[in-house]
Amino acid sequence: MAPTAAAKAAATKVHLDESTAVDEAPAPKLKPKKGETIQQLKNRLRNEAEREVLNTHKDEVVTITQAKYDAHGLEYIRRLTEEEKAAKQIEEYFKQFPELRDHFNTPLVVALAQQ
């Protein structure tokens, strides 16, 4: 009678001692958002990491990008940061509604804006 697959597997099983044991993968600390697949989570985390690096080295990225655009005769227009976008939008609101400026020039608002 031929041995079963389970018997063959048991006969060829290699027992690892503690020095060669393979650690289990650590449990994920970040869980996918509702409706997000594991691949989407990986993509989101990779994109966040890339943004962190780009934000850290923003000046260098802008310099290199400008050089590449210049080499091809193109005009480089730098994207605004979130803070610059917010400041621009606030200024547009102040132009549209000048009376708002008085409400935002209180000492508390000025102190918070300087932080």
PDB file of N, CA and C in Angstrom:
ATOM      1  N   MET A   1       0.832  -1.172   0.000  1.00  0.00           N
ATOM      2  CA  MET A   1       0.000   0.000   0.000  1.00  0.00           C
ATOM      3  C   MET A   1       0.884   1.246   0.000  1.00  0.00           C
ATOM      4  N   ALA A   2       0.567   2.236  -0.835  1.00  0.00           N
ATOM      5  CA  ALA A   2       1.367   3.449  -0.973  1.00  0.00           C
ATOM      6  C   ALA A   2       1.084   4.382   0.198  1.00  0.00           C
ATOM      7  N   PRO A   3       2.129   5.081   0.675  1.00  0.00           N
ATOM      8  CA  PRO A   3       1.914   6.010   1.792  1.00  0.00           C
ATOM      9  C   PRO A   3       1.061   7.199   1.340  1.00  0.00           C
ATOM     10  N   THR A   4       0.296   7.734   2.257  1.00  0.00           N
ATOM     11  CA  THR A   4      -0.555   8.885   1.950  1.00  0.00           C
ATOM     12  C   THR A   4       0.282  10.154   1.897  1.00  0.00           C
ATOM     13  N   ALA A   5      -0.307  11.189   1.380  1.00  0.00           N
ATOM     14  CA  ALA A   5       0.394  12.474   1.281  1.00  0.00           C
ATOM     15  C   ALA A   5       0.753  12.995   2.661  1.00  0.00           C
ATOM     16  N   ALA A   6      -0.130  12.789   3.635  1.00  0.00           N
ATOM     17  CA  ALA A   6       0.142  13.254   4.993  1.00  0.00           C
ATOM     18  C   ALA A   6       1.316  12.506   5.593  1.00  0.00           C
ATOM     19  N   ALA A   7       1.409  11.215   5.308  1.00  0.00           N
ATOM     20  CA  ALA A   7       2.510  10.415   5.838  1.00  0.00           C
ATOM     21  C   ALA A   7       3.828  10.856   5.218  1.00  0.00           C
ATOM     22  N   LYS A   8       3.811  11.156   3.905  1.00  0.00           N
ATOM     23  CA  LYS A   8       5.025  11.632   3.238  1.00  0.00           C
ATOM     24  C   LYS A   8       5.473  12.970   3.820  1.00  0.00           C
ATOM     25  N   ALA A   9       4.528  13.857   4.041  1.00  0.00           N
ATOM     26  CA  ALA A   9       4.857  15.172   4.583  1.00  0.00           C
ATOM     27  C   ALA A   9       5.425  15.055   5.980  1.00  0.00           C
ATOM     28  N   ALA A  10       4.868  14.159   6.797  1.00  0.00           N
ATOM     29  CA  ALA A  10       5.354  13.976   8.163  1.00  0.00           C
ATOM     30  C   ALA A  10       6.748  13.377   8.155  1.00  0.00           C
ATOM     31  N   ALA A  11       7.032  12.487   7.204  1.00  0.00           N
ATOM     32  CA  ALA A  11       8.336  11.843   7.136  1.00  0.00           C
ATOM     33  C   ALA A  11       9.418  12.816   6.694  1.00  0.00           C
ATOM     34  N   THR A  12       9.076  13.786   5.862  1.00  0.00           N
ATOM     35  CA  THR A  12      10.080  14.711   5.335  1.00  0.00           C
ATOM     36  C   THR A  12      10.120  16.038   6.083  1.00  0.00           C
ATOM     37  N   LYS A  13       9.320  16.167   7.113  1.00  0.00           N
ATOM     38  CA  LYS A  13       9.241  17.430   7.849  1.00  0.00           C
ATOM     39  C   LYS A  13      10.559  17.700   8.577  1.00  0.00           C
ATOM     40  N   VAL A  14      11.071  18.887   8.431  1.00  0.00           N
ATOM     41  CA  VAL A  14      12.314  19.284   9.091  1.00  0.00           C
ATOM     42  C   VAL A  14      11.948  20.111  10.310  1.00  0.00           C
ATOM     43  N   HIS A  15      12.488  19.730  11.442  1.00  0.00           N
ATOM     44  CA  HIS A  15      12.231  20.482  12.664  1.00  0.00           C
ATOM     45  C   HIS A  15      13.309  21.546  12.821  1.00  0.00           C
ATOM     46  N   LEU A  16      12.886  22.772  12.985  1.00  0.00           N
ATOM     47  CA  LEU A  16      13.817  23.884  13.148  1.00  0.00           C
ATOM     48  C   LEU A  16      14.097  24.085  14.620  1.00  0.00           C
ATOM     49  N   ASP A  17      15.368  24.276  14.952  1.00  0.00           N
ATOM     50  CA  ASP A  17      15.657  24.627  16.339  1.00  0.00           C
ATOM     51  C   ASP A  17      15.420  26.120  16.517  1.00  0.00           C
ATOM     52  N   GLU A  18      15.587  26.624  17.722  1.00  0.00           N
ATOM     53  CA  GLU A  18      15.257  28.021  18.014  1.00  0.00           C
ATOM     54  C   GLU A  18      16.113  29.008  17.238  1.00  0.00           C
ATOM     55  N   SER A  19      17.352  28.644  16.912  1.00  0.00           N
ATOM     56  CA  SER A  19      18.230  29.586  16.219  1.00  0.00           C
ATOM     57  C   SER A  19      17.838  29.767  14.753  1.00  0.00           C
ATOM     58  N   THR A  20      17.159  28.797  14.161  1.00  0.00           N
ATOM     59  CA  THR A  20      16.776  28.923  12.759  1.00  0.00           C
ATOM     60  C   THR A  20      15.280  29.105  12.577  1.00  0.00           C
ATOM     61  N   ALA A  21      14.563  29.281  13.665  1.00  0.00           N
ATOM     62  CA  ALA A  21      13.113  29.440  13.569  1.00  0.00           C
ATOM     63  C   ALA A  21      12.781  30.737  12.839  1.00  0.00           C
ATOM     64  N   VAL A  22      11.764  30.681  12.049  1.00  0.00           N
ATOM     65  CA  VAL A  22      11.323  31.849  11.291  1.00  0.00           C
ATOM     66  C   VAL A  22      10.300  32.597  12.129  1.00  0.00           C
ATOM     67  N   ASP A  23      10.547  33.894  12.319  1.00  0.00           N
ATOM     68  CA  ASP A  23       9.597  34.699  13.083  1.00  0.00           C
ATOM     69  C   ASP A  23       8.336  34.907  12.266  1.00  0.00           C
ATOM     70  N   GLU A  24       7.223  34.965  12.976  1.00  0.00           N
ATOM     71  CA  GLU A  24       5.972  35.278  12.303  1.00  0.00           C
ATOM     72  C   GLU A  24       5.978  36.758  11.944  1.00  0.00           C
ATOM     73  N   ALA A  25       5.249  37.091  10.923  1.00  0.00           N
ATOM     74  CA  ALA A  25       5.148  38.495  10.517  1.00  0.00           C
ATOM     75  C   ALA A  25       4.465  39.283  11.626  1.00  0.00           C
ATOM     76  N   PRO A  26       4.977  40.469  11.936  1.00  0.00           N
ATOM     77  CA  PRO A  26       4.344  41.265  12.993  1.00  0.00           C
ATOM     78  C   PRO A  26       2.934  41.673  12.585  1.00  0.00           C
ATOM     79  N   ALA A  27       2.097  41.790  13.572  1.00  0.00           N
ATOM     80  CA  ALA A  27       0.717  42.200  13.308  1.00  0.00           C
ATOM     81  C   ALA A  27       0.721  43.636  12.792  1.00  0.00           C
ATOM     82  N   PRO A  28      -0.080  43.937  11.796  1.00  0.00           N
ATOM     83  CA  PRO A  28      -0.094  45.307  11.262  1.00  0.00           C
ATOM     84  C   PRO A  28      -0.617  46.292  12.293  1.00  0.00           C
ATOM     85  N   LYS A  29       0.075  47.409  12.388  1.00  0.00           N
ATOM     86  CA  LYS A  29      -0.340  48.446  13.330  1.00  0.00           C
ATOM     87  C   LYS A  29      -1.418  49.323  12.713  1.00  0.00           C
ATOM     88  N   LEU A  30      -1.357  49.468  11.405  1.00  0.00           N
ATOM     89  CA  LEU A  30      -2.347  50.272  10.696  1.00  0.00           C
ATOM     90  C   LEU A  30      -3.327  49.343  10.009  1.00  0.00           C
ATOM     91  N   LYS A  31      -4.573  49.537  10.258  1.00  0.00           N
ATOM     92  CA  LYS A  31      -5.583  48.722   9.589  1.00  0.00           C
ATOM     93  C   LYS A  31      -6.122  49.511   8.401  1.00  0.00           C
ATOM     94  N   PRO A  32      -6.525  48.804   7.364  1.00  0.00           N
ATOM     95  CA  PRO A  32      -7.115  49.507   6.221  1.00  0.00           C
ATOM     96  C   PRO A  32      -8.367  50.263   6.642  1.00  0.00           C
ATOM     97  N   LYS A  33      -8.575  51.386   5.977  1.00  0.00           N
ATOM     98  CA  LYS A  33      -9.797  52.144   6.222  1.00  0.00           C
ATOM     99  C   LYS A  33     -10.979  51.324   5.727  1.00  0.00           C
ATOM    100  N   LYS A  34     -12.156  51.697   6.158  1.00  0.00           N
ATOM    101  CA  LYS A  34     -13.353  50.954   5.771  1.00  0.00           C
ATOM    102  C   LYS A  34     -13.474  50.927   4.247  1.00  0.00           C
ATOM    103  N   GLY A  35     -13.585  49.732   3.706  1.00  0.00           N
ATOM    104  CA  GLY A  35     -13.714  49.571   2.265  1.00  0.00           C
ATOM    105  C   GLY A  35     -12.386  49.607   1.521  1.00  0.00           C
ATOM    106  N   GLU A  36     -11.267  49.728   2.238  1.00  0.00           N
ATOM    107  CA  GLU A  36      -9.955  49.817   1.607  1.00  0.00           C
ATOM    108  C   GLU A  36      -9.317  48.431   1.589  1.00  0.00           C
ATOM    109  N   THR A  37      -8.793  48.028   0.446  1.00  0.00           N
ATOM    110  CA  THR A  37      -8.126  46.735   0.343  1.00  0.00           C
ATOM    111  C   THR A  37      -6.701  46.858   0.869  1.00  0.00           C
ATOM    112  N   ILE A  38      -6.058  45.706   1.059  1.00  0.00           N
ATOM    113  CA  ILE A  38      -4.665  45.707   1.522  1.00  0.00           C
ATOM    114  C   ILE A  38      -3.781  46.424   0.505  1.00  0.00           C
ATOM    115  N   GLN A  39      -4.024  46.197  -0.787  1.00  0.00           N
ATOM    116  CA  GLN A  39      -3.222  46.862  -1.817  1.00  0.00           C
ATOM    117  C   GLN A  39      -3.416  48.371  -1.773  1.00  0.00           C
ATOM    118  N   GLN A  40      -4.645  48.813  -1.552  1.00  0.00           N
ATOM    119  CA  GLN A  40      -4.896  50.250  -1.443  1.00  0.00           C
ATOM    120  C   GLN A  40      -4.196  50.824  -0.216  1.00  0.00           C
ATOM    121  N   LEU A  41      -4.175  50.065   0.883  1.00  0.00           N
ATOM    122  CA  LEU A  41      -3.457  50.503   2.083  1.00  0.00           C
ATOM    123  C   LEU A  41      -1.972  50.646   1.780  1.00  0.00           C
ATOM    124  N   LYS A  42      -1.400  49.655   1.090  1.00  0.00           N
ATOM    125  CA  LYS A  42       0.023  49.718   0.731  1.00  0.00           C
ATOM    126  C   LYS A  42       0.302  50.945  -0.136  1.00  0.00           C
ATOM    127  N   ASN A  43      -0.565  51.182  -1.118  1.00  0.00           N
ATOM    128  CA  ASN A  43      -0.386  52.343  -1.997  1.00  0.00           C
ATOM    129  C   ASN A  43      -0.475  53.642  -1.209  1.00  0.00           C
ATOM    130  N   ARG A  44      -1.443  53.724  -0.291  1.00  0.00           N
ATOM    131  CA  ARG A  44      -1.616  54.937   0.509  1.00  0.00           C
ATOM    132  C   ARG A  44      -0.389  55.185   1.380  1.00  0.00           C
ATOM    133  N   LEU A  45       0.124  54.132   2.006  1.00  0.00           N
ATOM    134  CA  LEU A  45       1.300  54.286   2.864  1.00  0.00           C
ATOM    135  C   LEU A  45       2.525  54.679   2.046  1.00  0.00           C
ATOM    136  N   ARG A  46       2.680  54.076   0.848  1.00  0.00           N
ATOM    137  CA  ARG A  46       3.811  54.437  -0.007  1.00  0.00           C
ATOM    138  C   ARG A  46       3.709  55.895  -0.435  1.00  0.00           C
ATOM    139  N   ASN A  47       2.506  56.334  -0.801  1.00  0.00           N
ATOM    140  CA  ASN A  47       2.310  57.725  -1.209  1.00  0.00           C
ATOM    141  C   ASN A  47       2.591  58.685  -0.061  1.00  0.00           C
ATOM    142  N   GLU A  48       2.174  58.320   1.163  1.00  0.00           N
ATOM    143  CA  GLU A  48       2.459  59.165   2.325  1.00  0.00           C
ATOM    144  C   GLU A  48       3.960  59.279   2.546  1.00  0.00           C
ATOM    145  N   ALA A  49       4.675  58.159   2.407  1.00  0.00           N
ATOM    146  CA  ALA A  49       6.129  58.177   2.588  1.00  0.00           C
ATOM    147  C   ALA A  49       6.794  59.042   1.520  1.00  0.00           C
ATOM    148  N   GLU A  50       6.335  58.916   0.274  1.00  0.00           N
ATOM    149  CA  GLU A  50       6.900  59.735  -0.801  1.00  0.00           C
ATOM    150  C   GLU A  50       6.650  61.217  -0.554  1.00  0.00           C
ATOM    151  N   ARG A  51       5.450  61.559  -0.080  1.00  0.00           N
ATOM    152  CA  ARG A  51       5.149  62.968   0.223  1.00  0.00           C
ATOM    153  C   ARG A  51       6.039  63.489   1.343  1.00  0.00           C
ATOM    154  N   GLU A  52       6.288  62.655   2.370  1.00  0.00           N
ATOM    155  CA  GLU A  52       7.156  63.087   3.468  1.00  0.00           C
ATOM    156  C   GLU A  52       8.557  63.392   2.955  1.00  0.00           C
ATOM    157  N   VAL A  53       9.081  62.525   2.093  1.00  0.00           N
ATOM    158  CA  VAL A  53      10.426  62.736   1.546  1.00  0.00           C
ATOM    159  C   VAL A  53      10.443  63.982   0.671  1.00  0.00           C
ATOM    160  N   LEU A  54       9.425  64.133  -0.180  1.00  0.00           N
ATOM    161  CA  LEU A  54       9.374  65.313  -1.048  1.00  0.00           C
ATOM    162  C   LEU A  54       9.261  66.593  -0.239  1.00  0.00           C
ATOM    163  N   ASN A  55       8.459  66.572   0.818  1.00  0.00           N
ATOM    164  CA  ASN A  55       8.316  67.767   1.650  1.00  0.00           C
ATOM    165  C   ASN A  55       9.604  68.079   2.390  1.00  0.00           C
ATOM    166  N   THR A  56      10.336  67.046   2.801  1.00  0.00           N
ATOM    167  CA  THR A  56      11.598  67.249   3.505  1.00  0.00           C
ATOM    168  C   THR A  56      12.643  67.867   2.580  1.00  0.00           C
ATOM    169  N   HIS A  57      12.664  67.436   1.335  1.00  0.00           N
ATOM    170  CA  HIS A  57      13.671  67.893   0.371  1.00  0.00           C
ATOM    171  C   HIS A  57      13.039  68.749  -0.721  1.00  0.00           C
ATOM    172  N   LYS A  58      12.051  69.542  -0.349  1.00  0.00           N
ATOM    173  CA  LYS A  58      11.266  70.332  -1.308  1.00  0.00           C
ATOM    174  C   LYS A  58      12.152  71.261  -2.149  1.00  0.00           C
ATOM    175  N   ASP A  59      13.079  71.961  -1.504  1.00  0.00           N
ATOM    176  CA  ASP A  59      13.932  72.908  -2.236  1.00  0.00           C
ATOM    177  C   ASP A  59      14.759  72.200  -3.300  1.00  0.00           C
ATOM    178  N   GLU A  60      15.307  71.039  -2.940  1.00  0.00           N
ATOM    179  CA  GLU A  60      16.119  70.277  -3.885  1.00  0.00           C
ATOM    180  C   GLU A  60      15.264  69.777  -5.057  1.00  0.00           C
ATOM    181  N   VAL A  61      14.062  69.317  -4.761  1.00  0.00           N
ATOM    182  CA  VAL A  61      13.150  68.840  -5.808  1.00  0.00           C
ATOM    183  C   VAL A  61      12.809  69.979  -6.763  1.00  0.00           C
ATOM    184  N   VAL A  62      12.528  71.159  -6.220  1.00  0.00           N
ATOM    185  CA  VAL A  62      12.174  72.311  -7.051  1.00  0.00           C
ATOM    186  C   VAL A  62      13.353  72.697  -7.940  1.00  0.00           C
ATOM    187  N   THR A  63      14.557  72.712  -7.387  1.00  0.00           N
ATOM    188  CA  THR A  63      15.750  73.082  -8.156  1.00  0.00           C
ATOM    189  C   THR A  63      15.979  72.116  -9.317  1.00  0.00           C
ATOM    190  N   ILE A  64      15.905  70.822  -9.040  1.00  0.00           N
ATOM    191  CA  ILE A  64      16.124  69.816 -10.080  1.00  0.00           C
ATOM    192  C   ILE A  64      15.024  69.888 -11.134  1.00  0.00           C
ATOM    193  N   THR A  65      13.791  70.057 -10.693  1.00  0.00           N
ATOM    194  CA  THR A  65      12.669  70.130 -11.627  1.00  0.00           C
ATOM    195  C   THR A  65      12.793  71.355 -12.523  1.00  0.00           C
ATOM    196  N   GLN A  66      13.178  72.497 -11.944  1.00  0.00           N
ATOM    197  CA  GLN A  66      13.363  73.710 -12.747  1.00  0.00           C
ATOM    198  C   GLN A  66      14.443  73.501 -13.800  1.00  0.00           C
ATOM    199  N   ALA A  67      15.533  72.839 -13.424  1.00  0.00           N
ATOM    200  CA  ALA A  67      16.612  72.589 -14.374  1.00  0.00           C
ATOM    201  C   ALA A  67      16.131  71.707 -15.528  1.00  0.00           C
ATOM    202  N   LYS A  68      15.350  70.685 -15.217  1.00  0.00           N
ATOM    203  CA  LYS A  68      14.830  69.797 -16.262  1.00  0.00           C
ATOM    204  C   LYS A  68      13.853  70.537 -17.182  1.00  0.00           C
ATOM    205  N   TYR A  69      13.003  71.372 -16.607  1.00  0.00           N
ATOM    206  CA  TYR A  69      12.064  72.156 -17.423  1.00  0.00           C
ATOM    207  C   TYR A  69      12.833  73.124 -18.319  1.00  0.00           C
ATOM    208  N   ASP A  70      13.849  73.799 -17.748  1.00  0.00           N
ATOM    209  CA  ASP A  70      14.644  74.754 -18.522  1.00  0.00           C
ATOM    210  C   ASP A  70      15.347  74.066 -19.689  1.00  0.00           C
ATOM    211  N   ALA A  71      15.828  72.849 -19.469  1.00  0.00           N
ATOM    212  CA  ALA A  71      16.522  72.115 -20.522  1.00  0.00           C
ATOM    213  C   ALA A  71      15.603  71.832 -21.708  1.00  0.00           C
ATOM    214  N   HIS A  72      14.312  71.761 -21.454  1.00  0.00           N
ATOM    215  CA  HIS A  72      13.346  71.497 -22.523  1.00  0.00           C
ATOM    216  C   HIS A  72      12.581  72.745 -22.935  1.00  0.00           C
ATOM    217  N   GLY A  73      12.994  73.899 -22.418  1.00  0.00           N
ATOM    218  CA  GLY A  73      12.358  75.150 -22.799  1.00  0.00           C
ATOM    219  C   GLY A  73      10.962  75.334 -22.234  1.00  0.00           C
ATOM    220  N   LEU A  74      10.684  74.722 -21.093  1.00  0.00           N
ATOM    221  CA  LEU A  74       9.369  74.830 -20.466  1.00  0.00           C
ATOM    222  C   LEU A  74       9.437  75.705 -19.229  1.00  0.00           C
ATOM    223  N   GLU A  75       8.294  76.274 -18.877  1.00  0.00           N
ATOM    224  CA  GLU A  75       8.222  77.108 -17.675  1.00  0.00           C
ATOM    225  C   GLU A  75       7.716  76.252 -16.519  1.00  0.00           C
ATOM    226  N   TYR A  76       8.451  76.240 -15.419  1.00  0.00           N
ATOM    227  CA  TYR A  76       8.047  75.461 -14.244  1.00  0.00           C
ATOM    228  C   TYR A  76       7.267  76.350 -13.289  1.00  0.00           C
ATOM    229  N   ILE A  77       6.070  75.912 -12.941  1.00  0.00           N
ATOM    230  CA  ILE A  77       5.262  76.619 -11.951  1.00  0.00           C
ATOM    231  C   ILE A  77       5.133  75.698 -10.752  1.00  0.00           C
ATOM    232  N   ARG A  78       5.741  76.114  -9.656  1.00  0.00           N
ATOM    233  CA  ARG A  78       5.769  75.289  -8.450  1.00  0.00           C
ATOM    234  C   ARG A  78       4.384  75.189  -7.836  1.00  0.00           C
ATOM    235  N   ARG A  79       4.041  73.982  -7.377  1.00  0.00           N
ATOM    236  CA  ARG A  79       2.771  73.794  -6.681  1.00  0.00           C
ATOM    237  C   ARG A  79       2.856  74.420  -5.304  1.00  0.00           C
ATOM    238  N   LEU A  80       1.757  74.994  -4.870  1.00  0.00           N
ATOM    239  CA  LEU A  80       1.718  75.607  -3.549  1.00  0.00           C
ATOM    240  C   LEU A  80       1.581  74.535  -2.477  1.00  0.00           C
ATOM    241  N   THR A  81       2.185  74.794  -1.322  1.00  0.00           N
ATOM    242  CA  THR A  81       2.001  73.901  -0.185  1.00  0.00           C
ATOM    243  C   THR A  81       0.617  74.142   0.397  1.00  0.00           C
ATOM    244  N   GLU A  82       0.196  73.273   1.281  1.00  0.00           N
ATOM    245  CA  GLU A  82      -1.127  73.426   1.899  1.00  0.00           C
ATOM    246  C   GLU A  82      -1.220  74.752   2.656  1.00  0.00           C
ATOM    247  N   GLU A  83      -0.139  75.141   3.336  1.00  0.00           N
ATOM    248  CA  GLU A  83      -0.135  76.396   4.084  1.00  0.00           C
ATOM    249  C   GLU A  83      -0.243  77.588   3.144  1.00  0.00           C
ATOM    250  N   GLU A  84       0.485  77.521   2.017  1.00  0.00           N
ATOM    251  CA  GLU A  84       0.432  78.611   1.043  1.00  0.00           C
ATOM    252  C   GLU A  84      -0.948  78.713   0.400  1.00  0.00           C
ATOM    253  N   LYS A  85      -1.565  77.555   0.129  1.00  0.00           N
ATOM    254  CA  LYS A  85      -2.920  77.562  -0.427  1.00  0.00           C
ATOM    255  C   LYS A  85      -3.896  78.200   0.547  1.00  0.00           C
ATOM    256  N   ALA A  86      -3.771  77.844   1.830  1.00  0.00           N
ATOM    257  CA  ALA A  86      -4.675  78.395   2.844  1.00  0.00           C
ATOM    258  C   ALA A  86      -4.484  79.900   2.973  1.00  0.00           C
ATOM    259  N   ALA A  87      -3.219  80.362   3.002  1.00  0.00           N
ATOM    260  CA  ALA A  87      -2.949  81.793   3.117  1.00  0.00           C
ATOM    261  C   ALA A  87      -3.498  82.551   1.905  1.00  0.00           C
ATOM    262  N   LYS A  88      -3.349  81.971   0.727  1.00  0.00           N
ATOM    263  CA  LYS A  88      -3.863  82.603  -0.492  1.00  0.00           C
ATOM    264  C   LYS A  88      -5.388  82.694  -0.453  1.00  0.00           C
ATOM    265  N   GLN A  89      -6.025  81.632   0.005  1.00  0.00           N
ATOM    266  CA  GLN A  89      -7.484  81.628   0.082  1.00  0.00           C
ATOM    267  C   GLN A  89      -7.986  82.645   1.101  1.00  0.00           C
ATOM    268  N   ILE A  90      -7.289  82.762   2.230  1.00  0.00           N
ATOM    269  CA  ILE A  90      -7.675  83.747   3.248  1.00  0.00           C
ATOM    270  C   ILE A  90      -7.552  85.158   2.690  1.00  0.00           C
ATOM    271  N   GLU A  91      -6.456  85.438   1.975  1.00  0.00           N
ATOM    272  CA  GLU A  91      -6.289  86.762   1.375  1.00  0.00           C
ATOM    273  C   GLU A  91      -7.391  87.059   0.359  1.00  0.00           C
ATOM    274  N   GLU A  92      -7.785  86.044  -0.401  1.00  0.00           N
ATOM    275  CA  GLU A  92      -8.880  86.244  -1.358  1.00  0.00           C
ATOM    276  C   GLU A  92     -10.180  86.566  -0.632  1.00  0.00           C
ATOM    277  N   TYR A  93     -10.413  85.888   0.498  1.00  0.00           N
ATOM    278  CA  TYR A  93     -11.616  86.185   1.291  1.00  0.00           C
ATOM    279  C   TYR A  93     -11.561  87.598   1.852  1.00  0.00           C
ATOM    280  N   PHE A  94     -10.379  88.024   2.309  1.00  0.00           N
ATOM    281  CA  PHE A  94     -10.242  89.380   2.843  1.00  0.00           C
ATOM    282  C   PHE A  94     -10.486  90.427   1.754  1.00  0.00           C
ATOM    283  N   LYS A  95     -10.057  90.147   0.519  1.00  0.00           N
ATOM    284  CA  LYS A  95     -10.323  91.078  -0.580  1.00  0.00           C
ATOM    285  C   LYS A  95     -11.811  91.128  -0.894  1.00  0.00           C
ATOM    286  N   GLN A  96     -12.433  89.959  -0.832  1.00  0.00           N
ATOM    287  CA  GLN A  96     -13.857  89.880  -1.143  1.00  0.00           C
ATOM    288  C   GLN A  96     -14.717  90.463  -0.020  1.00  0.00           C
ATOM    289  N   PHE A  97     -14.293  90.225   1.232  1.00  0.00           N
ATOM    290  CA  PHE A  97     -15.043  90.695   2.402  1.00  0.00           C
ATOM    291  C   PHE A  97     -14.093  91.455   3.332  1.00  0.00           C
ATOM    292  N   PRO A  98     -13.799  92.732   3.070  1.00  0.00           N
ATOM    293  CA  PRO A  98     -12.821  93.482   3.867  1.00  0.00           C
ATOM    294  C   PRO A  98     -13.196  93.594   5.345  1.00  0.00           C
ATOM    295  N   GLU A  99     -14.479  93.537   5.658  1.00  0.00           N
ATOM    296  CA  GLU A  99     -14.891  93.663   7.058  1.00  0.00           C
ATOM    297  C   GLU A  99     -14.445  92.459   7.898  1.00  0.00           C
ATOM    298  N   LEU A 100     -14.110  91.352   7.255  1.00  0.00           N
ATOM    299  CA  LEU A 100     -13.652  90.176   8.003  1.00  0.00           C
ATOM    300  C   LEU A 100     -12.275  90.392   8.623  1.00  0.00           C
ATOM    301  N   ARG A 101     -11.466  91.218   7.971  1.00  0.00           N
ATOM    302  CA  ARG A 101     -10.102  91.429   8.464  1.00  0.00           C
ATOM    303  C   ARG A 101     -10.104  91.936   9.903  1.00  0.00           C
ATOM    304  N   ASP A 102     -11.049  92.795  10.258  1.00  0.00           N
ATOM    305  CA  ASP A 102     -11.116  93.321  11.623  1.00  0.00           C
ATOM    306  C   ASP A 102     -11.406  92.217  12.635  1.00  0.00           C
ATOM    307  N   HIS A 103     -12.194  91.245  12.238  1.00  0.00           N
ATOM    308  CA  HIS A 103     -12.530  90.149  13.150  1.00  0.00           C
ATOM    309  C   HIS A 103     -11.343  89.224  13.396  1.00  0.00           C
ATOM    310  N   PHE A 104     -10.421  89.165  12.435  1.00  0.00           N
ATOM    311  CA  PHE A 104      -9.291  88.257  12.565  1.00  0.00           C
ATOM    312  C   PHE A 104      -8.020  88.943  13.042  1.00  0.00           C
ATOM    313  N   ASN A 105      -8.069  90.212  13.339  1.00  0.00           N
ATOM    314  CA  ASN A 105      -6.904  90.925  13.849  1.00  0.00           C
ATOM    315  C   ASN A 105      -6.924  91.048  15.363  1.00  0.00           C
ATOM    316  N   THR A 106      -7.676  90.214  16.029  1.00  0.00           N
ATOM    317  CA  THR A 106      -7.697  90.233  17.491  1.00  0.00           C
ATOM    318  C   THR A 106      -6.385  89.654  17.996  1.00  0.00           C
ATOM    319  N   PRO A 107      -5.952  90.013  19.209  1.00  0.00           N
ATOM    320  CA  PRO A 107      -4.682  89.502  19.734  1.00  0.00           C
ATOM    321  C   PRO A 107      -4.614  87.973  19.777  1.00  0.00           C
ATOM    322  N   LEU A 108      -5.721  87.314  20.102  1.00  0.00           N
ATOM    323  CA  LEU A 108      -5.719  85.857  20.174  1.00  0.00           C
ATOM    324  C   LEU A 108      -5.480  85.234  18.803  1.00  0.00           C
ATOM    325  N   VAL A 109      -6.155  85.730  17.792  1.00  0.00           N
ATOM    326  CA  VAL A 109      -6.003  85.183  16.441  1.00  0.00           C
ATOM    327  C   VAL A 109      -4.600  85.450  15.916  1.00  0.00           C
ATOM    328  N   VAL A 110      -4.074  86.628  16.174  1.00  0.00           N
ATOM    329  CA  VAL A 110      -2.719  86.966  15.725  1.00  0.00           C
ATOM    330  C   VAL A 110      -1.707  86.053  16.406  1.00  0.00           C
ATOM    331  N   ALA A 111      -1.875  85.804  17.706  1.00  0.00           N
ATOM    332  CA  ALA A 111      -0.957  84.926  18.440  1.00  0.00           C
ATOM    333  C   ALA A 111      -1.026  83.498  17.905  1.00  0.00           C
ATOM    334  N   LEU A 112      -2.219  83.017  17.609  1.00  0.00           N
ATOM    335  CA  LEU A 112      -2.364  81.666  17.067  1.00  0.00           C
ATOM    336  C   LEU A 112      -1.755  81.559  15.677  1.00  0.00           C
ATOM    337  N   ALA A 113      -1.881  82.597  14.881  1.00  0.00           N
ATOM    338  CA  ALA A 113      -1.340  82.580  13.524  1.00  0.00           C
ATOM    339  C   ALA A 113       0.184  82.574  13.518  1.00  0.00           C
ATOM    340  N   GLN A 114       0.799  83.138  14.549  1.00  0.00           N
ATOM    341  CA  GLN A 114       2.258  83.218  14.606  1.00  0.00           C
ATOM    342  C   GLN A 114       2.894  81.934  15.111  1.00  0.00           C
ATOM    343  N   GLN A 115       2.109  81.025  15.622  1.00  0.00           N
ATOM    344  CA  GLN A 115       2.675  79.769  16.150  1.00  0.00           C
ATOM    345  C   GLN A 115       3.111  78.856  15.057  1.00  0.00           C
TER     346      GLN A 115
END
